[in-house]
C-alpha atoms as a PDB file:
ATOM      1  CA  MET A   1       6.138  -4.208  11.174  1.00  0.00           C
ATOM      2  CA  SER A   2       8.747  -3.952   8.722  1.00  0.00           C
ATOM      3  CA  ARG A   3      10.452  -0.570   7.879  1.00  0.00           C
ATOM      4  CA  LEU A   4      11.753   0.276   4.245  1.00  0.00           C
ATOM      5  CA  THR A   5      14.996   2.339   3.985  1.00  0.00           C
ATOM      6  CA  ALA A   6      14.912   5.072   1.433  1.00  0.00           C
ATOM      7  CA  ALA A   7      17.034   3.108  -0.413  1.00  0.00           C
ATOM      8  CA  GLU A   8      15.044   0.012  -0.355  1.00  0.00           C
ATOM      9  CA  ARG A   9      11.525   2.034  -1.615  1.00  0.00           C
ATOM     10  CA  ASN A  10      13.750   4.111  -4.207  1.00  0.00           C
ATOM     11  CA  ALA A  11      14.989   0.281  -5.167  1.00  0.00           C
ATOM     12  CA  LEU A  12      11.121  -1.009  -5.829  1.00  0.00           C
ATOM     13  CA  PRO A  13       9.802  -0.483  -9.209  1.00  0.00           C
ATOM     14  CA  ASP A  14       6.337   0.965  -9.646  1.00  0.00           C
ATOM     15  CA  SER A  15       3.935  -1.820  -9.091  1.00  0.00           C
ATOM     16  CA  ALA A  16       5.310  -2.805  -5.812  1.00  0.00           C
ATOM     17  CA  PHE A  17       2.838   0.350  -4.882  1.00  0.00           C
ATOM     18  CA  ALA A  18      -1.219   0.639  -5.113  1.00  0.00           C
ATOM     19  CA  LEU A  19      -1.420   3.720  -5.629  1.00  0.00           C
ATOM     20  CA  PRO A  20       0.253   5.836  -8.616  1.00  0.00           C
ATOM     21  CA  GLY A  21       2.850   8.551  -7.041  1.00  0.00           C
ATOM     22  CA  ARG A  22       4.343   5.730  -5.389  1.00  0.00           C
ATOM     23  CA  ARG A  23       2.333   5.821  -2.777  1.00  0.00           C
ATOM     24  CA  TYR A  24       1.882   3.059   0.016  1.00  0.00           C
ATOM     25  CA  PRO A  25       4.473   0.740  -0.817  1.00  0.00           C
ATOM     26  CA  ILE A  26       3.300  -3.671  -0.748  1.00  0.00           C
ATOM     27  CA  PRO A  27       6.412  -5.269  -1.630  1.00  0.00           C
ATOM     28  CA  ASP A  28       5.275  -7.839   0.715  1.00  0.00           C
ATOM     29  CA  ALA A  29       2.569  -8.735   3.431  1.00  0.00           C
ATOM     30  CA  THR A  30       3.595  -7.092   6.173  1.00  0.00           C
ATOM     31  CA  HIS A  31       3.349  -3.780   3.920  1.00  0.00           C
ATOM     32  CA  ALA A  32       0.156  -4.818   2.414  1.00  0.00           C
ATOM     33  CA  ARG A  33      -1.286  -5.149   5.492  1.00  0.00           C
ATOM     34  CA  ASP A  34      -0.086  -1.966   6.820  1.00  0.00           C
ATOM     35  CA  ALA A  35      -1.082  -0.322   3.784  1.00  0.00           C
ATOM     36  CA  LEU A  36      -4.908  -1.495   4.495  1.00  0.00           C
ATOM     37  CA  ALA A  37      -4.855  -0.276   8.000  1.00  0.00           C
ATOM     38  CA  ARG A  38      -3.425   3.334   6.760  1.00  0.00           C
ATOM     39  CA  ALA A  39      -5.416   3.777   3.742  1.00  0.00           C
ATOM     40  CA  SER A  40      -8.394   2.855   5.716  1.00  0.00           C
ATOM     41  CA  GLU A  41      -7.523   5.682   8.522  1.00  0.00           C
ATOM     42  CA  MET A  42      -7.295   8.413   5.600  1.00  0.00           C
ATOM     43  CA  LEU A  43     -10.276   7.043   4.039  1.00  0.00           C
ATOM     44  CA  HIS A  44     -12.606   7.988   7.352  1.00  0.00           C
ATOM     45  CA  ARG A  45     -10.248  11.068   7.929  1.00  0.00           C
ATOM     46  CA  GLY A  46     -11.678  12.084   4.303  1.00  0.00           C
ATOM     47  CA  ASP A  47      -8.197  12.336   3.069  1.00  0.00           C
ATOM     48  CA  LEU A  48      -8.321   9.926   0.396  1.00  0.00           C
ATOM     49  CA  SER A  49     -10.906   8.897  -1.986  1.00  0.00           C
ATOM     50  CA  GLN A  50     -13.229   5.401  -1.676  1.00  0.00           C
ATOM     51  CA  GLN A  51     -11.861   4.695  -5.550  1.00  0.00           C
ATOM     52  CA  ASP A  52      -8.102   5.190  -4.052  1.00  0.00           C
ATOM     53  CA  TYR A  53      -9.084   3.205  -1.102  1.00  0.00           C
ATOM     54  CA  ASP A  54     -11.036   0.623  -3.452  1.00  0.00           C
ATOM     55  CA  THR A  55      -7.222   0.101  -5.112  1.00  0.00           C
ATOM     56  CA  VAL A  56      -5.250  -0.062  -2.398  1.00  0.00           C
ATOM     57  CA  ALA A  57      -7.663  -2.711  -0.982  1.00  0.00           C
ATOM     58  CA  ALA A  58      -7.487  -4.503  -4.420  1.00  0.00           C
ATOM     59  CA  ARG A  59      -3.735  -4.359  -4.383  1.00  0.00           C
ATOM     60  CA  ALA A  60      -3.147  -5.553  -1.210  1.00  0.00           C
ATOM     61  CA  HIS A  61      -5.266  -8.193  -0.737  1.00  0.00           C
ATOM     62  CA  ALA A  62      -3.845  -9.572  -3.968  1.00  0.00           C
ATOM     63  CA  VAL A  63      -0.399  -9.558  -2.340  1.00  0.00           C
ATOM     64  CA  LEU A  64      -1.790 -11.129   0.903  1.00  0.00           C
ATOM     65  CA  GLU A  65      -3.363 -14.285  -1.553  1.00  0.00           C
ATOM     66  CA  ASN A  66       0.311 -14.691  -2.828  1.00  0.00           C
ATOM     67  CA  GLU A  67       1.836 -15.389   0.707  1.00  0.00           C
END
């Protein structure tokens, strides 16, 4: 997986994240796929609401469609 350094993550605009609070970075297809996997994991653990998961999924799929 492609890793973001702290400087790279800080340089991303807020629009490059799936959720407020700069959570789930999705600047490219690799990160979008990872965000889907992590969000699914967190949903099943009970650490993410269905609404937040749906938001991550929609935003990640939009990035994947444009790649």
